[in-house]
Amino acid sequence: MHIKTHFGVKHQIKTMIIQKIIKKNHARPQQPIYSKLATHPGEVLKDEIEERKLVKSGVAKELGMQPGHLSELFKGKRHISAALALKLQRMLGIPAETWLALQNRYELSQLYMLELA
């Protein structure tokens, strides 16, 4: 099964797993579904950059950030702000809303997992 998206293969696989979990639990819509599979948007960005064969230092320069900060974003140590989301939209053609939605989904998932722990 080939899925054409903006994102890399790892993200596609994680998305398919989450969709299967949602379908499996669809009979109980009143119970929220949380997953430990939430992907930090920095990891999605890293996959996208690698998929497009872009040079990471060039991406950092185009985004106006230090290469070390970009690496921290890839590792989930930094977040995607609205300003960065707009820059990513201009550079990659992926809507800023998508990047912000990924960031929000990740942060909510982390909070939900803390509540369930």
C-alpha atoms as a PDB file:
ATOM      1  CA  MET A   1       0.000   0.000   0.000  1.00  0.00           C
ATOM      2  CA  HIS A   2       1.521   3.283  -1.088  1.00  0.00           C
ATOM      3  CA  ILE A   3       0.383   6.487   0.587  1.00  0.00           C
ATOM      4  CA  LYS A   4       1.403   9.741  -1.022  1.00  0.00           C
ATOM      5  CA  THR A   5       1.841  12.482   1.582  1.00  0.00           C
ATOM      6  CA  HIS A   6       4.226  15.262   2.398  1.00  0.00           C
ATOM      7  CA  PHE A   7       5.755  13.198   5.153  1.00  0.00           C
ATOM      8  CA  GLY A   8       8.274  10.369   5.234  1.00  0.00           C
ATOM      9  CA  VAL A   9       7.637   6.654   5.488  1.00  0.00           C
ATOM     10  CA  LYS A  10       8.112   6.417   9.278  1.00  0.00           C
ATOM     11  CA  HIS A  11       5.388   8.996   9.815  1.00  0.00           C
ATOM     12  CA  GLN A  12       3.074   7.166   7.385  1.00  0.00           C
ATOM     13  CA  ILE A  13       3.484   3.896   9.286  1.00  0.00           C
ATOM     14  CA  LYS A  14       2.788   5.572  12.635  1.00  0.00           C
ATOM     15  CA  THR A  15      -0.282   7.259  11.139  1.00  0.00           C
ATOM     16  CA  MET A  16      -1.598   3.936   9.828  1.00  0.00           C
ATOM     17  CA  ILE A  17      -1.153   2.322  13.261  1.00  0.00           C
ATOM     18  CA  ILE A  18      -3.002   5.173  14.962  1.00  0.00           C
ATOM     19  CA  GLN A  19      -5.815   4.949  12.385  1.00  0.00           C
ATOM     20  CA  LYS A  20      -6.167   1.206  13.107  1.00  0.00           C
ATOM     21  CA  ILE A  21      -6.364   1.934  16.838  1.00  0.00           C
ATOM     22  CA  ILE A  22      -9.062   4.535  16.210  1.00  0.00           C
ATOM     23  CA  LYS A  23     -11.084   2.138  14.026  1.00  0.00           C
ATOM     24  CA  LYS A  24     -10.748  -0.622  16.607  1.00  0.00           C
ATOM     25  CA  ASN A  25     -12.013   1.660  19.380  1.00  0.00           C
ATOM     26  CA  HIS A  26     -14.651   3.433  17.264  1.00  0.00           C
ATOM     27  CA  ALA A  27     -17.452   1.633  19.101  1.00  0.00           C
ATOM     28  CA  ARG A  28     -16.563   3.607  22.241  1.00  0.00           C
ATOM     29  CA  PRO A  29     -16.451   7.249  21.029  1.00  0.00           C
ATOM     30  CA  GLN A  30     -17.071   8.616  24.539  1.00  0.00           C
ATOM     31  CA  GLN A  31     -13.659   7.264  25.631  1.00  0.00           C
ATOM     32  CA  PRO A  32     -10.759   9.328  24.310  1.00  0.00           C
ATOM     33  CA  ILE A  33      -8.009   7.415  22.552  1.00  0.00           C
ATOM     34  CA  TYR A  34      -4.451   8.310  23.459  1.00  0.00           C
ATOM     35  CA  SER A  35      -1.367   6.854  21.946  1.00  0.00           C
ATOM     36  CA  LYS A  36       2.264   6.680  22.986  1.00  0.00           C
ATOM     37  CA  LEU A  37       2.995   6.866  19.259  1.00  0.00           C
ATOM     38  CA  ALA A  38       2.660  10.657  19.116  1.00  0.00           C
ATOM     39  CA  THR A  39       5.440  11.916  16.898  1.00  0.00           C
ATOM     40  CA  HIS A  40       7.193  15.158  17.686  1.00  0.00           C
ATOM     41  CA  PRO A  41       6.894  17.503  14.694  1.00  0.00           C
ATOM     42  CA  GLY A  42      10.684  17.879  14.704  1.00  0.00           C
ATOM     43  CA  GLU A  43      10.974  14.194  13.834  1.00  0.00           C
ATOM     44  CA  VAL A  44       8.439  14.674  11.040  1.00  0.00           C
ATOM     45  CA  LEU A  45      10.468  17.643   9.786  1.00  0.00           C
ATOM     46  CA  LYS A  46      13.668  15.599   9.872  1.00  0.00           C
ATOM     47  CA  ASP A  47      11.999  12.833   7.840  1.00  0.00           C
ATOM     48  CA  GLU A  48      10.713  15.391   5.337  1.00  0.00           C
ATOM     49  CA  ILE A  49      14.125  17.034   4.935  1.00  0.00           C
ATOM     50  CA  GLU A  50      15.803  13.654   4.457  1.00  0.00           C
ATOM     51  CA  GLU A  51      13.099  12.530   2.008  1.00  0.00           C
ATOM     52  CA  ARG A  52      13.740  15.645  -0.091  1.00  0.00           C
ATOM     53  CA  LYS A  53      17.508  15.148   0.230  1.00  0.00           C
ATOM     54  CA  LEU A  54      17.993  18.665   1.584  1.00  0.00           C
ATOM     55  CA  VAL A  55      21.178  19.672   3.386  1.00  0.00           C
ATOM     56  CA  LYS A  56      20.390  20.262   7.055  1.00  0.00           C
ATOM     57  CA  SER A  57      22.769  23.198   7.440  1.00  0.00           C
ATOM     58  CA  GLY A  58      21.167  24.839   4.388  1.00  0.00           C
ATOM     59  CA  VAL A  59      17.707  24.302   5.851  1.00  0.00           C
ATOM     60  CA  ALA A  60      18.787  25.834   9.155  1.00  0.00           C
ATOM     61  CA  LYS A  61      20.212  28.866   7.342  1.00  0.00           C
ATOM     62  CA  GLU A  62      17.058  29.314   5.253  1.00  0.00           C
ATOM     63  CA  LEU A  63      14.938  29.106   8.403  1.00  0.00           C
ATOM     64  CA  GLY A  64      17.181  31.660  10.137  1.00  0.00           C
ATOM     65  CA  MET A  65      18.232  29.318  12.922  1.00  0.00           C
ATOM     66  CA  GLN A  66      21.469  27.849  14.188  1.00  0.00           C
ATOM     67  CA  PRO A  67      22.177  24.290  12.955  1.00  0.00           C
ATOM     68  CA  GLY A  68      22.322  23.152  16.589  1.00  0.00           C
ATOM     69  CA  HIS A  69      18.824  24.507  17.204  1.00  0.00           C
ATOM     70  CA  LEU A  70      17.552  22.584  14.189  1.00  0.00           C
ATOM     71  CA  SER A  71      19.149  19.419  15.583  1.00  0.00           C
ATOM     72  CA  GLU A  72      17.433  20.058  18.924  1.00  0.00           C
ATOM     73  CA  LEU A  73      14.129  20.442  17.079  1.00  0.00           C
ATOM     74  CA  PHE A  74      14.718  17.083  15.362  1.00  0.00           C
ATOM     75  CA  LYS A  75      15.291  15.497  18.808  1.00  0.00           C
ATOM     76  CA  GLY A  76      12.108  16.975  20.273  1.00  0.00           C
ATOM     77  CA  LYS A  77      13.933  19.423  22.529  1.00  0.00           C
ATOM     78  CA  ARG A  78      12.418  22.473  20.810  1.00  0.00           C
ATOM     79  CA  HIS A  79       8.922  23.180  19.565  1.00  0.00           C
ATOM     80  CA  ILE A  80       7.525  24.570  16.333  1.00  0.00           C
ATOM     81  CA  SER A  81       6.249  28.096  16.901  1.00  0.00           C
ATOM     82  CA  ALA A  82       3.790  29.921  14.653  1.00  0.00           C
ATOM     83  CA  ALA A  83       6.673  31.935  13.171  1.00  0.00           C
ATOM     84  CA  LEU A  84       8.663  28.781  12.384  1.00  0.00           C
ATOM     85  CA  ALA A  85       5.538  27.121  10.952  1.00  0.00           C
ATOM     86  CA  LEU A  86       5.185  30.009   8.480  1.00  0.00           C
ATOM     87  CA  LYS A  87       8.831  29.697   7.461  1.00  0.00           C
ATOM     88  CA  LEU A  88       8.380  25.957   6.937  1.00  0.00           C
ATOM     89  CA  GLN A  89       5.302  26.631   4.833  1.00  0.00           C
ATOM     90  CA  ARG A  90       7.263  28.975   2.586  1.00  0.00           C
ATOM     91  CA  MET A  91      10.210  26.609   2.340  1.00  0.00           C
ATOM     92  CA  LEU A  92       8.492  23.215   2.024  1.00  0.00           C
ATOM     93  CA  GLY A  93       5.001  24.079   0.851  1.00  0.00           C
ATOM     94  CA  ILE A  94       3.422  22.294   3.829  1.00  0.00           C
ATOM     95  CA  PRO A  95       0.767  24.537   5.433  1.00  0.00           C
ATOM     96  CA  ALA A  96       1.696  26.270   8.675  1.00  0.00           C
ATOM     97  CA  GLU A  97      -1.530  24.913  10.159  1.00  0.00           C
ATOM     98  CA  THR A  98      -0.248  21.379   9.618  1.00  0.00           C
ATOM     99  CA  TRP A  99       2.940  22.050  11.566  1.00  0.00           C
ATOM    100  CA  LEU A 100       1.021  23.711  14.397  1.00  0.00           C
ATOM    101  CA  ALA A 101      -1.511  20.874  14.487  1.00  0.00           C
ATOM    102  CA  LEU A 102       1.338  18.349  14.759  1.00  0.00           C
ATOM    103  CA  GLN A 103       2.873  20.360  17.602  1.00  0.00           C
ATOM    104  CA  ASN A 104      -0.454  20.649  19.433  1.00  0.00           C
ATOM    105  CA  ARG A 105      -1.243  16.953  18.954  1.00  0.00           C
ATOM    106  CA  TYR A 106       2.173  16.016  20.322  1.00  0.00           C
ATOM    107  CA  GLU A 107       1.887  18.275  23.367  1.00  0.00           C
ATOM    108  CA  LEU A 108      -1.647  17.091  24.163  1.00  0.00           C
ATOM    109  CA  SER A 109      -0.594  13.483  23.809  1.00  0.00           C
ATOM    110  CA  GLN A 110       2.256  14.049  26.240  1.00  0.00           C
ATOM    111  CA  LEU A 111      -0.108  15.625  28.776  1.00  0.00           C
ATOM    112  CA  TYR A 112      -2.679  12.842  28.386  1.00  0.00           C
ATOM    113  CA  MET A 113      -0.005  10.207  28.868  1.00  0.00           C
ATOM    114  CA  LEU A 114       1.116  11.953  32.087  1.00  0.00           C
ATOM    115  CA  GLU A 115      -2.477  11.896  33.339  1.00  0.00           C
ATOM    116  CA  LEU A 116      -2.808   8.189  32.549  1.00  0.00           C
ATOM    117  CA  ALA A 117       0.495   7.305  34.216  1.00  0.00           C
END
